[in-house]
Amino acid sequence: MPQITVDYSERLADGFDRPAFARDLHTAVVEIAAAKPPACKTRFRRTEDPVVGPDTEGHALVHVHIGLLAGRTDETKARLTETVLELLRRYVKPAGGERLHASAEVRDLDPSYRKFESE
């Protein structure tokens, strides 16, 4: 916890500073949602062929999913998603002429969530 997944259009690969984004996102999650630094885990998944409305060209997508253990207020979650969007503005630079569609969501992990770490 937290479990962070970032889906992003393949065409953003060269214009998305993923290590810096993850570093600053982890800092924000610790400060805003009281997560423990070693517990922050982010994975990035490239997606292909975004379609926005009737258009397939000229659009790029980024969506950040953050799963936290239950107990954060709606205000905390909203503050965290706003911070995610600010970080995306800073670290994602779409290629010339592309329109970036960025979004974020914070949700509670299901009560069945469990984890282990190997040594």
Foldseek 3Di string as FASTA:
>chain_A
DWEKEKEKEPQQVVQFPVVVLQVVLLVLCCVLVVDDSVVDDYDYHHDYQDDDVPDRPQEMEMEMEIEDAPDDDPVSFVVSFVVSVVSCVVGTDGPPRHDYDYGYGYDYDDPVDDDDDDD
